[in-house]
Amino acid sequence: MAFWDKWFGSAATDSTPTKTVEYKGFTIEARPYKDGGQFQLAGEILKDGKTYRFVRADKFTDKNEAADIAISKGQLIIDQQGESIFKS
């Protein structure tokens, strides 16, 4: 598993969201993960049993700051794409 963590971070092994927010009928979970001494911005958007995972290039020294920005990015994704994030 350590091999995959090198490429994809440890997000897959951290099952606890740092912060959770309800927004326009969706649930946004901030899931920043440790990467090279910083926290990579990552999260999930959930609705009706469907999950959309996102990871952005942004990195932060503070996990809570990364979580706050992940929530904002999740809201932006919902505003721009809505239900279409679950298609494909």
PDB file of N, CA and C in Angstrom:
ATOM      1  N   MET A   1       0.817  -1.201   0.000  1.00  0.00           N
ATOM      2  CA  MET A   1       0.000   0.000   0.000  1.00  0.00           C
ATOM      3  C   MET A   1       0.856   1.259   0.000  1.00  0.00           C
ATOM      4  N   ALA A   2       2.027   1.211   0.585  1.00  0.00           N
ATOM      5  CA  ALA A   2       2.894   2.389   0.650  1.00  0.00           C
ATOM      6  C   ALA A   2       3.256   2.886  -0.741  1.00  0.00           C
ATOM      7  N   PHE A   3       3.406   1.972  -1.697  1.00  0.00           N
ATOM      8  CA  PHE A   3       3.698   2.379  -3.067  1.00  0.00           C
ATOM      9  C   PHE A   3       2.618   3.302  -3.612  1.00  0.00           C
ATOM     10  N   TRP A   4       1.354   2.928  -3.420  1.00  0.00           N
ATOM     11  CA  TRP A   4       0.248   3.744  -3.927  1.00  0.00           C
ATOM     12  C   TRP A   4       0.129   5.057  -3.171  1.00  0.00           C
ATOM     13  N   ASP A   5       0.444   5.042  -1.874  1.00  0.00           N
ATOM     14  CA  ASP A   5       0.419   6.280  -1.096  1.00  0.00           C
ATOM     15  C   ASP A   5       1.386   7.300  -1.663  1.00  0.00           C
ATOM     16  N   LYS A   6       2.518   6.824  -2.185  1.00  0.00           N
ATOM     17  CA  LYS A   6       3.503   7.734  -2.770  1.00  0.00           C
ATOM     18  C   LYS A   6       2.893   8.496  -3.946  1.00  0.00           C
ATOM     19  N   TRP A   7       2.102   7.809  -4.745  1.00  0.00           N
ATOM     20  CA  TRP A   7       1.524   8.434  -5.938  1.00  0.00           C
ATOM     21  C   TRP A   7       0.217   9.158  -5.668  1.00  0.00           C
ATOM     22  N   PHE A   8      -0.599   8.631  -4.791  1.00  0.00           N
ATOM     23  CA  PHE A   8      -1.933   9.186  -4.585  1.00  0.00           C
ATOM     24  C   PHE A   8      -2.134   9.784  -3.211  1.00  0.00           C
ATOM     25  N   GLY A   9      -1.108   9.835  -2.395  1.00  0.00           N
ATOM     26  CA  GLY A   9      -1.242  10.361  -1.043  1.00  0.00           C
ATOM     27  C   GLY A   9      -1.914   9.346  -0.149  1.00  0.00           C
ATOM     28  N   SER A  10      -2.110   9.729   1.093  1.00  0.00           N
ATOM     29  CA  SER A  10      -2.714   8.803   2.049  1.00  0.00           C
ATOM     30  C   SER A  10      -4.215   9.036   2.196  1.00  0.00           C
ATOM     31  N   ALA A  11      -4.807   9.760   1.259  1.00  0.00           N
ATOM     32  CA  ALA A  11      -6.241  10.064   1.349  1.00  0.00           C
ATOM     33  C   ALA A  11      -7.077   8.796   1.415  1.00  0.00           C
ATOM     34  N   ALA A  12      -6.653   7.768   0.704  1.00  0.00           N
ATOM     35  CA  ALA A  12      -7.419   6.533   0.689  1.00  0.00           C
ATOM     36  C   ALA A  12      -7.424   5.853   2.053  1.00  0.00           C
ATOM     37  N   THR A  13      -6.420   6.106   2.867  1.00  0.00           N
ATOM     38  CA  THR A  13      -6.348   5.440   4.160  1.00  0.00           C
ATOM     39  C   THR A  13      -6.980   6.277   5.278  1.00  0.00           C
ATOM     40  N   ASP A  14      -7.253   7.550   5.022  1.00  0.00           N
ATOM     41  CA  ASP A  14      -7.857   8.415   6.035  1.00  0.00           C
ATOM     42  C   ASP A  14      -9.356   8.490   5.776  1.00  0.00           C
ATOM     43  N   SER A  15     -10.144   7.755   6.566  1.00  0.00           N
ATOM     44  CA  SER A  15     -11.575   7.658   6.306  1.00  0.00           C
ATOM     45  C   SER A  15     -12.406   8.692   7.062  1.00  0.00           C
ATOM     46  N   THR A  16     -11.769   9.539   7.857  1.00  0.00           N
ATOM     47  CA  THR A  16     -12.499  10.520   8.641  1.00  0.00           C
ATOM     48  C   THR A  16     -12.394  11.907   8.020  1.00  0.00           C
ATOM     49  N   PRO A  17     -13.538  12.493   7.633  1.00  0.00           N
ATOM     50  CA  PRO A  17     -13.466  13.848   7.090  1.00  0.00           C
ATOM     51  C   PRO A  17     -13.069  14.856   8.172  1.00  0.00           C
ATOM     52  N   THR A  18     -12.288  15.853   7.784  1.00  0.00           N
ATOM     53  CA  THR A  18     -11.872  16.901   8.707  1.00  0.00           C
ATOM     54  C   THR A  18     -13.026  17.841   9.015  1.00  0.00           C
ATOM     55  N   LYS A  19     -13.871  18.088   8.008  1.00  0.00           N
ATOM     56  CA  LYS A  19     -14.999  19.004   8.158  1.00  0.00           C
ATOM     57  C   LYS A  19     -16.094  18.563   7.193  1.00  0.00           C
ATOM     58  N   THR A  20     -17.347  18.681   7.615  1.00  0.00           N
ATOM     59  CA  THR A  20     -18.490  18.302   6.783  1.00  0.00           C
ATOM     60  C   THR A  20     -19.513  19.431   6.782  1.00  0.00           C
ATOM     61  N   VAL A  21     -20.044  19.735   5.585  1.00  0.00           N
ATOM     62  CA  VAL A  21     -21.012  20.824   5.430  1.00  0.00           C
ATOM     63  C   VAL A  21     -22.114  20.373   4.471  1.00  0.00           C
ATOM     64  N   GLU A  22     -23.348  20.727   4.786  1.00  0.00           N
ATOM     65  CA  GLU A  22     -24.469  20.529   3.868  1.00  0.00           C
ATOM     66  C   GLU A  22     -24.597  21.792   3.013  1.00  0.00           C
ATOM     67  N   TYR A  23     -24.753  21.611   1.695  1.00  0.00           N
ATOM     68  CA  TYR A  23     -24.827  22.760   0.791  1.00  0.00           C
ATOM     69  C   TYR A  23     -25.711  22.421  -0.403  1.00  0.00           C
ATOM     70  N   LYS A  24     -26.832  23.118  -0.534  1.00  0.00           N
ATOM     71  CA  LYS A  24     -27.757  22.966  -1.663  1.00  0.00           C
ATOM     72  C   LYS A  24     -28.160  21.513  -1.917  1.00  0.00           C
ATOM     73  N   GLY A  25     -28.380  20.760  -0.846  1.00  0.00           N
ATOM     74  CA  GLY A  25     -28.798  19.369  -0.974  1.00  0.00           C
ATOM     75  C   GLY A  25     -27.656  18.377  -1.116  1.00  0.00           C
ATOM     76  N   PHE A  26     -26.434  18.843  -1.156  1.00  0.00           N
ATOM     77  CA  PHE A  26     -25.247  17.997  -1.241  1.00  0.00           C
ATOM     78  C   PHE A  26     -24.551  17.994   0.119  1.00  0.00           C
ATOM     79  N   THR A  27     -23.743  16.989   0.362  1.00  0.00           N
ATOM     80  CA  THR A  27     -22.861  16.961   1.522  1.00  0.00           C
ATOM     81  C   THR A  27     -21.438  17.103   1.010  1.00  0.00           C
ATOM     82  N   ILE A  28     -20.704  18.052   1.558  1.00  0.00           N
ATOM     83  CA  ILE A  28     -19.302  18.242   1.193  1.00  0.00           C
ATOM     84  C   ILE A  28     -18.458  17.812   2.380  1.00  0.00           C
ATOM     85  N   GLU A  29     -17.510  16.916   2.123  1.00  0.00           N
ATOM     86  CA  GLU A  29     -16.596  16.466   3.166  1.00  0.00           C
ATOM     87  C   GLU A  29     -15.185  16.888   2.787  1.00  0.00           C
ATOM     88  N   ALA A  30     -14.550  17.671   3.643  1.00  0.00           N
ATOM     89  CA  ALA A  30     -13.159  18.048   3.435  1.00  0.00           C
ATOM     90  C   ALA A  30     -12.287  16.897   3.905  1.00  0.00           C
ATOM     91  N   ARG A  31     -11.362  16.462   3.063  1.00  0.00           N
ATOM     92  CA  ARG A  31     -10.484  15.338   3.390  1.00  0.00           C
ATOM     93  C   ARG A  31      -9.036  15.639   3.002  1.00  0.00           C
ATOM     94  N   PRO A  32      -8.474  16.732   3.540  1.00  0.00           N
ATOM     95  CA  PRO A  32      -7.069  17.014   3.219  1.00  0.00           C
ATOM     96  C   PRO A  32      -6.169  15.904   3.753  1.00  0.00           C
ATOM     97  N   TYR A  33      -5.111  15.615   3.024  1.00  0.00           N
ATOM     98  CA  TYR A  33      -4.197  14.560   3.464  1.00  0.00           C
ATOM     99  C   TYR A  33      -2.757  15.063   3.443  1.00  0.00           C
ATOM    100  N   LYS A  34      -1.962  14.469   4.291  1.00  0.00           N
ATOM    101  CA  LYS A  34      -0.565  14.855   4.447  1.00  0.00           C
ATOM    102  C   LYS A  34       0.221  14.451   3.206  1.00  0.00           C
ATOM    103  N   ASP A  35       0.992  15.383   2.666  1.00  0.00           N
ATOM    104  CA  ASP A  35       1.820  15.119   1.499  1.00  0.00           C
ATOM    105  C   ASP A  35       3.085  15.967   1.580  1.00  0.00           C
ATOM    106  N   GLY A  36       4.185  15.347   1.875  1.00  0.00           N
ATOM    107  CA  GLY A  36       5.454  16.064   1.922  1.00  0.00           C
ATOM    108  C   GLY A  36       5.518  17.160   2.968  1.00  0.00           C
ATOM    109  N   GLY A  37       4.947  16.935   4.125  1.00  0.00           N
ATOM    110  CA  GLY A  37       4.990  17.931   5.188  1.00  0.00           C
ATOM    111  C   GLY A  37       3.923  18.996   5.098  1.00  0.00           C
ATOM    112  N   GLN A  38       3.070  18.922   4.073  1.00  0.00           N
ATOM    113  CA  GLN A  38       1.961  19.857   3.934  1.00  0.00           C
ATOM    114  C   GLN A  38       0.674  19.061   3.750  1.00  0.00           C
ATOM    115  N   PHE A  39      -0.446  19.765   3.703  1.00  0.00           N
ATOM    116  CA  PHE A  39      -1.734  19.113   3.517  1.00  0.00           C
ATOM    117  C   PHE A  39      -2.279  19.437   2.131  1.00  0.00           C
ATOM    118  N   GLN A  40      -2.539  18.376   1.369  1.00  0.00           N
ATOM    119  CA  GLN A  40      -3.085  18.489   0.014  1.00  0.00           C
ATOM    120  C   GLN A  40      -4.588  18.730   0.107  1.00  0.00           C
ATOM    121  N   LEU A  41      -5.082  19.672  -0.675  1.00  0.00           N
ATOM    122  CA  LEU A  41      -6.509  19.964  -0.693  1.00  0.00           C
ATOM    123  C   LEU A  41      -7.248  18.815  -1.374  1.00  0.00           C
ATOM    124  N   ALA A  42      -8.208  18.226  -0.673  1.00  0.00           N
ATOM    125  CA  ALA A  42      -8.993  17.120  -1.209  1.00  0.00           C
ATOM    126  C   ALA A  42     -10.334  17.068  -0.496  1.00  0.00           C
ATOM    127  N   GLY A  43     -11.310  16.490  -1.179  1.00  0.00           N
ATOM    128  CA  GLY A  43     -12.617  16.357  -0.560  1.00  0.00           C
ATOM    129  C   GLY A  43     -13.535  15.455  -1.359  1.00  0.00           C
ATOM    130  N   GLU A  44     -14.737  15.299  -0.841  1.00  0.00           N
ATOM    131  CA  GLU A  44     -15.765  14.508  -1.504  1.00  0.00           C
ATOM    132  C   GLU A  44     -17.081  15.270  -1.466  1.00  0.00           C
ATOM    133  N   ILE A  45     -17.847  15.102  -2.529  1.00  0.00           N
ATOM    134  CA  ILE A  45     -19.203  15.641  -2.599  1.00  0.00           C
ATOM    135  C   ILE A  45     -20.124  14.440  -2.706  1.00  0.00           C
ATOM    136  N   LEU A  46     -21.131  14.384  -1.833  1.00  0.00           N
ATOM    137  CA  LEU A  46     -22.033  13.231  -1.784  1.00  0.00           C
ATOM    138  C   LEU A  46     -23.486  13.672  -1.946  1.00  0.00           C
ATOM    139  N   LYS A  47     -24.250  12.826  -2.619  1.00  0.00           N
ATOM    140  CA  LYS A  47     -25.688  13.041  -2.717  1.00  0.00           C
ATOM    141  C   LYS A  47     -26.344  11.748  -3.206  1.00  0.00           C
ATOM    142  N   ASP A  48     -27.383  11.331  -2.526  1.00  0.00           N
ATOM    143  CA  ASP A  48     -28.169  10.156  -2.919  1.00  0.00           C
ATOM    144  C   ASP A  48     -27.302   8.925  -3.178  1.00  0.00           C
ATOM    145  N   GLY A  49     -26.341   8.673  -2.322  1.00  0.00           N
ATOM    146  CA  GLY A  49     -25.499   7.495  -2.449  1.00  0.00           C
ATOM    147  C   GLY A  49     -24.397   7.603  -3.496  1.00  0.00           C
ATOM    148  N   LYS A  50     -24.292   8.751  -4.157  1.00  0.00           N
ATOM    149  CA  LYS A  50     -23.241   8.966  -5.158  1.00  0.00           C
ATOM    150  C   LYS A  50     -22.131   9.800  -4.543  1.00  0.00           C
ATOM    151  N   THR A  51     -20.900   9.563  -4.997  1.00  0.00           N
ATOM    152  CA  THR A  51     -19.741  10.275  -4.464  1.00  0.00           C
ATOM    153  C   THR A  51     -18.895  10.822  -5.602  1.00  0.00           C
ATOM    154  N   TYR A  52     -18.502  12.080  -5.462  1.00  0.00           N
ATOM    155  CA  TYR A  52     -17.558  12.717  -6.384  1.00  0.00           C
ATOM    156  C   TYR A  52     -16.344  13.140  -5.574  1.00  0.00           C
ATOM    157  N   ARG A  53     -15.185  12.605  -5.900  1.00  0.00           N
ATOM    158  CA  ARG A  53     -13.952  12.936  -5.185  1.00  0.00           C
ATOM    159  C   ARG A  53     -13.169  13.978  -5.979  1.00  0.00           C
ATOM    160  N   PHE A  54     -12.581  14.925  -5.260  1.00  0.00           N
ATOM    161  CA  PHE A  54     -11.748  15.913  -5.932  1.00  0.00           C
ATOM    162  C   PHE A  54     -10.464  16.153  -5.152  1.00  0.00           C
ATOM    163  N   VAL A  55      -9.411  16.407  -5.897  1.00  0.00           N
ATOM    164  CA  VAL A  55      -8.105  16.756  -5.347  1.00  0.00           C
ATOM    165  C   VAL A  55      -7.617  17.944  -6.163  1.00  0.00           C
ATOM    166  N   ARG A  56      -7.123  18.957  -5.499  1.00  0.00           N
ATOM    167  CA  ARG A  56      -6.606  20.140  -6.184  1.00  0.00           C
ATOM    168  C   ARG A  56      -5.120  20.284  -5.875  1.00  0.00           C
ATOM    169  N   ALA A  57      -4.426  21.047  -6.653  1.00  0.00           N
ATOM    170  CA  ALA A  57      -2.975  21.204  -6.512  1.00  0.00           C
ATOM    171  C   ALA A  57      -2.581  21.990  -5.266  1.00  0.00           C
ATOM    172  N   ASP A  58      -3.512  22.716  -4.680  1.00  0.00           N
ATOM    173  CA  ASP A  58      -3.216  23.566  -3.529  1.00  0.00           C
ATOM    174  C   ASP A  58      -2.720  22.751  -2.334  1.00  0.00           C
ATOM    175  N   LYS A  59      -1.692  23.268  -1.662  1.00  0.00           N
ATOM    176  CA  LYS A  59      -1.175  22.643  -0.438  1.00  0.00           C
ATOM    177  C   LYS A  59      -1.073  23.706   0.647  1.00  0.00           C
ATOM    178  N   PHE A  60      -1.283  23.269   1.886  1.00  0.00           N
ATOM    179  CA  PHE A  60      -1.318  24.176   3.030  1.00  0.00           C
ATOM    180  C   PHE A  60      -0.509  23.602   4.179  1.00  0.00           C
ATOM    181  N   THR A  61       0.023  24.471   5.006  1.00  0.00           N
ATOM    182  CA  THR A  61       0.746  24.003   6.192  1.00  0.00           C
ATOM    183  C   THR A  61      -0.220  23.668   7.322  1.00  0.00           C
ATOM    184  N   ASP A  62      -1.434  24.230   7.269  1.00  0.00           N
ATOM    185  CA  ASP A  62      -2.431  24.024   8.319  1.00  0.00           C
ATOM    186  C   ASP A  62      -3.583  23.158   7.796  1.00  0.00           C
ATOM    187  N   LYS A  63      -3.861  22.050   8.469  1.00  0.00           N
ATOM    188  CA  LYS A  63      -4.910  21.125   8.039  1.00  0.00           C
ATOM    189  C   LYS A  63      -6.289  21.789   8.040  1.00  0.00           C
ATOM    190  N   ASN A  64      -6.573  22.620   9.042  1.00  0.00           N
ATOM    191  CA  ASN A  64      -7.879  23.275   9.112  1.00  0.00           C
ATOM    192  C   ASN A  64      -8.075  24.280   7.978  1.00  0.00           C
ATOM    193  N   GLU A  65      -7.009  24.960   7.600  1.00  0.00           N
ATOM    194  CA  GLU A  65      -7.094  25.879   6.467  1.00  0.00           C
ATOM    195  C   GLU A  65      -7.369  25.099   5.177  1.00  0.00           C
ATOM    196  N   ALA A  66      -6.686  23.979   5.007  1.00  0.00           N
ATOM    197  CA  ALA A  66      -6.922  23.126   3.841  1.00  0.00           C
ATOM    198  C   ALA A  66      -8.371  22.640   3.814  1.00  0.00           C
ATOM    199  N   ALA A  67      -8.912  22.305   4.977  1.00  0.00           N
ATOM    200  CA  ALA A  67     -10.301  21.843   5.061  1.00  0.00           C
ATOM    201  C   ALA A  67     -11.270  22.964   4.693  1.00  0.00           C
ATOM    202  N   ASP A  68     -11.033  24.161   5.189  1.00  0.00           N
ATOM    203  CA  ASP A  68     -11.904  25.298   4.868  1.00  0.00           C
ATOM    204  C   ASP A  68     -11.914  25.586   3.370  1.00  0.00           C
ATOM    205  N   ILE A  69     -10.745  25.550   2.746  1.00  0.00           N
ATOM    206  CA  ILE A  69     -10.659  25.806   1.308  1.00  0.00           C
ATOM    207  C   ILE A  69     -11.293  24.655   0.526  1.00  0.00           C
ATOM    208  N   ALA A  70     -11.164  23.423   1.016  1.00  0.00           N
ATOM    209  CA  ALA A  70     -11.802  22.276   0.358  1.00  0.00           C
ATOM    210  C   ALA A  70     -13.318  22.438   0.347  1.00  0.00           C
ATOM    211  N   ILE A  71     -13.873  22.933   1.438  1.00  0.00           N
ATOM    212  CA  ILE A  71     -15.319  23.185   1.487  1.00  0.00           C
ATOM    213  C   ILE A  71     -15.698  24.252   0.459  1.00  0.00           C
ATOM    214  N   SER A  72     -14.912  25.317   0.391  1.00  0.00           N
ATOM    215  CA  SER A  72     -15.178  26.374  -0.596  1.00  0.00           C
ATOM    216  C   SER A  72     -15.087  25.844  -2.024  1.00  0.00           C
ATOM    217  N   LYS A  73     -14.084  25.019  -2.308  1.00  0.00           N
ATOM    218  CA  LYS A  73     -13.932  24.435  -3.649  1.00  0.00           C
ATOM    219  C   LYS A  73     -15.108  23.520  -3.953  1.00  0.00           C
ATOM    220  N   GLY A  74     -15.543  22.748  -2.958  1.00  0.00           N
ATOM    221  CA  GLY A  74     -16.705  21.883  -3.148  1.00  0.00           C
ATOM    222  C   GLY A  74     -17.951  22.683  -3.486  1.00  0.00           C
ATOM    223  N   GLN A  75     -18.152  23.802  -2.798  1.00  0.00           N
ATOM    224  CA  GLN A  75     -19.297  24.668  -3.087  1.00  0.00           C
ATOM    225  C   GLN A  75     -19.205  25.228  -4.506  1.00  0.00           C
ATOM    226  N   LEU A  76     -18.017  25.618  -4.923  1.00  0.00           N
ATOM    227  CA  LEU A  76     -17.816  26.136  -6.271  1.00  0.00           C
ATOM    228  C   LEU A  76     -18.122  25.067  -7.320  1.00  0.00           C
ATOM    229  N   ILE A  77     -17.671  23.845  -7.080  1.00  0.00           N
ATOM    230  CA  ILE A  77     -17.958  22.736  -8.001  1.00  0.00           C
ATOM    231  C   ILE A  77     -19.463  22.527  -8.121  1.00  0.00           C
ATOM    232  N   ILE A  78     -20.166  22.545  -7.005  1.00  0.00           N
ATOM    233  CA  ILE A  78     -21.621  22.374  -7.014  1.00  0.00           C
ATOM    234  C   ILE A  78     -22.284  23.517  -7.770  1.00  0.00           C
ATOM    235  N   ASP A  79     -21.857  24.754  -7.494  1.00  0.00           N
ATOM    236  CA  ASP A  79     -22.438  25.915  -8.176  1.00  0.00           C
ATOM    237  C   ASP A  79     -22.228  25.844  -9.687  1.00  0.00           C
ATOM    238  N   GLN A  80     -21.063  25.370 -10.115  1.00  0.00           N
ATOM    239  CA  GLN A  80     -20.740  25.347 -11.538  1.00  0.00           C
ATOM    240  C   GLN A  80     -21.304  24.137 -12.271  1.00  0.00           C
ATOM    241  N   GLN A  81     -21.347  22.976 -11.599  1.00  0.00           N
ATOM    242  CA  GLN A  81     -21.697  21.746 -12.304  1.00  0.00           C
ATOM    243  C   GLN A  81     -22.944  21.040 -11.799  1.00  0.00           C
ATOM    244  N   GLY A  82     -23.336  21.302 -10.568  1.00  0.00           N
ATOM    245  CA  GLY A  82     -24.539  20.668 -10.014  1.00  0.00           C
ATOM    246  C   GLY A  82     -24.494  19.148 -10.095  1.00  0.00           C
ATOM    247  N   GLU A  83     -25.617  18.560 -10.423  1.00  0.00           N
ATOM    248  CA  GLU A  83     -25.757  17.081 -10.484  1.00  0.00           C
ATOM    249  C   GLU A  83     -24.879  16.450 -11.550  1.00  0.00           C
ATOM    250  N   SER A  84     -24.423  17.229 -12.533  1.00  0.00           N
ATOM    251  CA  SER A  84     -23.637  16.648 -13.628  1.00  0.00           C
ATOM    252  C   SER A  84     -22.279  16.111 -13.167  1.00  0.00           C
ATOM    253  N   ILE A  85     -21.846  16.429 -11.956  1.00  0.00           N
ATOM    254  CA  ILE A  85     -20.577  15.890 -11.463  1.00  0.00           C
ATOM    255  C   ILE A  85     -20.621  14.372 -11.339  1.00  0.00           C
ATOM    256  N   PHE A  86     -21.810  13.813 -11.220  1.00  0.00           N
ATOM    257  CA  PHE A  86     -21.951  12.366 -11.046  1.00  0.00           C
ATOM    258  C   PHE A  86     -22.068  11.619 -12.363  1.00  0.00           C
ATOM    259  N   LYS A  87     -22.122  12.326 -13.486  1.00  0.00           N
ATOM    260  CA  LYS A  87     -22.227  11.682 -14.798  1.00  0.00           C
ATOM    261  C   LYS A  87     -20.850  11.351 -15.320  1.00  0.00           C
ATOM    262  N   SER A  88     -20.728  10.272 -16.006  1.00  0.00           N
ATOM    263  CA  SER A  88     -19.533   9.780 -16.726  1.00  0.00           C
ATOM    264  C   SER A  88     -18.993   8.524 -16.193  1.00  0.00           C
TER     265      SER A  88
END
